[in-house]
Amino acid sequence: MFEDDSRYHDLPDRVFVTPDGREIVYKARRFVPPGATLPTFTHVRVQPAERLDHLTARALGDPTHFWRICDAADALRPSEIDLTPGALVRVPRPQGKGS
């Protein structure tokens, strides 16, 4: 259901049974370790008009891995990352597939 490098790929499936007996399959909750515990890969300086997906593509080679930067910054939303031109953004080292 999820790509091999998705943050949800390795999460186990859970099943919720409704009162009428219908089964609803869902992914277990993802618990993110504190950002400070994620090892730093590099720091990237934000370019003018740069979006988080652009910065992530530049730093990690894949724009869909923006969530790794959010995890490292303890940010629940991408909008919480400071993308002011010239700001320095910490990029964590990828921790295995989907982590």
C-alpha atoms as a PDB file:
ATOM      1  CA  MET A   1       0.000   0.000   0.000  1.00  0.00           C
ATOM      2  CA  PHE A   2       2.882   2.399   0.784  1.00  0.00           C
ATOM      3  CA  GLU A   3       6.130   2.821  -1.142  1.00  0.00           C
ATOM      4  CA  ASP A   4       9.169   1.019   0.311  1.00  0.00           C
ATOM      5  CA  ASP A   5      10.704   4.297   1.481  1.00  0.00           C
ATOM      6  CA  SER A   6       7.501   5.694   2.993  1.00  0.00           C
ATOM      7  CA  ARG A   7       7.475   6.640   6.658  1.00  0.00           C
ATOM      8  CA  TYR A   8       4.427   4.370   7.009  1.00  0.00           C
ATOM      9  CA  HIS A   9       5.713   1.325   5.120  1.00  0.00           C
ATOM     10  CA  ASP A  10       6.983  -0.663   8.110  1.00  0.00           C
ATOM     11  CA  LEU A  11       4.130   0.144  10.466  1.00  0.00           C
ATOM     12  CA  PRO A  12       1.953  -2.860  11.282  1.00  0.00           C
ATOM     13  CA  ASP A  13      -1.653  -3.042  10.191  1.00  0.00           C
ATOM     14  CA  ARG A  14      -4.335  -2.912  12.852  1.00  0.00           C
ATOM     15  CA  VAL A  15      -7.975  -3.936  12.590  1.00  0.00           C
ATOM     16  CA  PHE A  16     -10.943  -2.117  14.077  1.00  0.00           C
ATOM     17  CA  VAL A  17     -14.191  -4.084  14.222  1.00  0.00           C
ATOM     18  CA  THR A  18     -17.325  -1.956  14.088  1.00  0.00           C
ATOM     19  CA  PRO A  19     -20.382  -2.849  16.183  1.00  0.00           C
ATOM     20  CA  ASP A  20     -21.963  -4.406  13.088  1.00  0.00           C
ATOM     21  CA  GLY A  21     -18.923  -6.681  12.592  1.00  0.00           C
ATOM     22  CA  ARG A  22     -17.316  -4.797   9.704  1.00  0.00           C
ATOM     23  CA  GLU A  23     -13.499  -4.805   9.786  1.00  0.00           C
ATOM     24  CA  ILE A  24     -11.584  -1.626   9.051  1.00  0.00           C
ATOM     25  CA  VAL A  25      -7.849  -2.073   8.484  1.00  0.00           C
ATOM     26  CA  TYR A  26      -5.558   0.844   9.305  1.00  0.00           C
ATOM     27  CA  LYS A  27      -1.891   1.498   9.995  1.00  0.00           C
ATOM     28  CA  ALA A  28      -0.652   1.677  13.577  1.00  0.00           C
ATOM     29  CA  ARG A  29       0.357   5.062  14.888  1.00  0.00           C
ATOM     30  CA  ARG A  30       3.845   6.256  14.013  1.00  0.00           C
ATOM     31  CA  PHE A  31       5.853   7.413  17.021  1.00  0.00           C
ATOM     32  CA  VAL A  32       8.641   9.799  16.129  1.00  0.00           C
ATOM     33  CA  PRO A  33      11.744   9.937  18.309  1.00  0.00           C
ATOM     34  CA  PRO A  34      12.808  13.360  19.603  1.00  0.00           C
ATOM     35  CA  GLY A  35      14.443  15.273  16.770  1.00  0.00           C
ATOM     36  CA  ALA A  36      17.633  15.828  18.748  1.00  0.00           C
ATOM     37  CA  THR A  37      18.231  12.051  18.784  1.00  0.00           C
ATOM     38  CA  LEU A  38      18.269  11.822  14.981  1.00  0.00           C
ATOM     39  CA  PRO A  39      21.845  12.000  13.696  1.00  0.00           C
ATOM     40  CA  THR A  40      22.641  14.982  11.494  1.00  0.00           C
ATOM     41  CA  PHE A  41      23.538  14.318   7.874  1.00  0.00           C
ATOM     42  CA  THR A  42      24.118  17.921   6.868  1.00  0.00           C
ATOM     43  CA  HIS A  43      22.870  21.480   7.176  1.00  0.00           C
ATOM     44  CA  VAL A  44      21.408  23.233   4.141  1.00  0.00           C
ATOM     45  CA  ARG A  45      21.054  26.973   3.654  1.00  0.00           C
ATOM     46  CA  VAL A  46      17.616  28.010   2.345  1.00  0.00           C
ATOM     47  CA  GLN A  47      17.687  29.662  -1.079  1.00  0.00           C
ATOM     48  CA  PRO A  48      15.339  32.523  -2.076  1.00  0.00           C
ATOM     49  CA  ALA A  49      11.780  31.302  -2.822  1.00  0.00           C
ATOM     50  CA  GLU A  50      12.757  27.729  -1.895  1.00  0.00           C
ATOM     51  CA  ARG A  51      10.088  25.336  -0.673  1.00  0.00           C
ATOM     52  CA  LEU A  52      10.724  22.464   1.715  1.00  0.00           C
ATOM     53  CA  ASP A  53      10.335  19.843  -1.009  1.00  0.00           C
ATOM     54  CA  HIS A  54      12.948  21.650  -3.133  1.00  0.00           C
ATOM     55  CA  LEU A  55      15.354  21.859  -0.200  1.00  0.00           C
ATOM     56  CA  THR A  56      14.795  18.172   0.558  1.00  0.00           C
ATOM     57  CA  ALA A  57      15.430  17.181  -3.055  1.00  0.00           C
ATOM     58  CA  ARG A  58      18.652  19.164  -2.987  1.00  0.00           C
ATOM     59  CA  ALA A  59      19.801  17.648   0.323  1.00  0.00           C
ATOM     60  CA  LEU A  60      18.516  14.075   0.099  1.00  0.00           C
ATOM     61  CA  GLY A  61      17.729  13.583  -3.583  1.00  0.00           C
ATOM     62  CA  ASP A  62      14.014  12.974  -2.986  1.00  0.00           C
ATOM     63  CA  PRO A  63      11.462  15.738  -2.413  1.00  0.00           C
ATOM     64  CA  THR A  64       8.989  13.334  -0.794  1.00  0.00           C
ATOM     65  CA  HIS A  65      11.318  12.884   2.179  1.00  0.00           C
ATOM     66  CA  PHE A  66      10.498  16.355   3.556  1.00  0.00           C
ATOM     67  CA  TRP A  67       9.095  14.572   6.616  1.00  0.00           C
ATOM     68  CA  ARG A  68      12.618  13.617   7.680  1.00  0.00           C
ATOM     69  CA  ILE A  69      13.470  17.314   8.111  1.00  0.00           C
ATOM     70  CA  CYS A  70      10.203  17.844   9.983  1.00  0.00           C
ATOM     71  CA  ASP A  71      11.003  14.915  12.286  1.00  0.00           C
ATOM     72  CA  ALA A  72      14.473  16.313  13.030  1.00  0.00           C
ATOM     73  CA  ALA A  73      12.964  19.707  13.899  1.00  0.00           C
ATOM     74  CA  ASP A  74      10.116  18.238  15.997  1.00  0.00           C
ATOM     75  CA  ALA A  75       7.741  19.928  13.550  1.00  0.00           C
ATOM     76  CA  LEU A  76       4.265  18.499  13.139  1.00  0.00           C
ATOM     77  CA  ARG A  77       3.671  20.505   9.969  1.00  0.00           C
ATOM     78  CA  PRO A  78       6.029  21.459   7.140  1.00  0.00           C
ATOM     79  CA  SER A  79       4.966  25.074   7.631  1.00  0.00           C
ATOM     80  CA  GLU A  80       6.786  25.038  10.980  1.00  0.00           C
ATOM     81  CA  ILE A  81      10.189  24.798   9.254  1.00  0.00           C
ATOM     82  CA  ASP A  82      11.926  28.176   8.895  1.00  0.00           C
ATOM     83  CA  LEU A  83      12.359  28.683   5.161  1.00  0.00           C
ATOM     84  CA  THR A  84      13.532  32.259   5.388  1.00  0.00           C
ATOM     85  CA  PRO A  85      16.232  32.734   2.725  1.00  0.00           C
ATOM     86  CA  GLY A  86      19.597  32.223   4.361  1.00  0.00           C
ATOM     87  CA  ALA A  87      18.238  30.136   7.257  1.00  0.00           C
ATOM     88  CA  LEU A  88      20.169  26.979   8.041  1.00  0.00           C
ATOM     89  CA  VAL A  89      18.071  23.796   8.093  1.00  0.00           C
ATOM     90  CA  ARG A  90      19.306  20.613   9.764  1.00  0.00           C
ATOM     91  CA  VAL A  91      18.880  17.515   7.628  1.00  0.00           C
ATOM     92  CA  PRO A  92      18.987  14.204   9.498  1.00  0.00           C
ATOM     93  CA  ARG A  93      20.751  11.116   8.211  1.00  0.00           C
ATOM     94  CA  PRO A  94      18.152   8.722   6.745  1.00  0.00           C
ATOM     95  CA  GLN A  95      17.639   5.793   9.129  1.00  0.00           C
ATOM     96  CA  GLY A  96      16.838   2.778   6.982  1.00  0.00           C
ATOM     97  CA  LYS A  97      13.864   2.363   4.704  1.00  0.00           C
ATOM     98  CA  GLY A  98      10.772   4.210   5.777  1.00  0.00           C
ATOM     99  CA  SER A  99      12.090   5.187   9.184  1.00  0.00           C
END
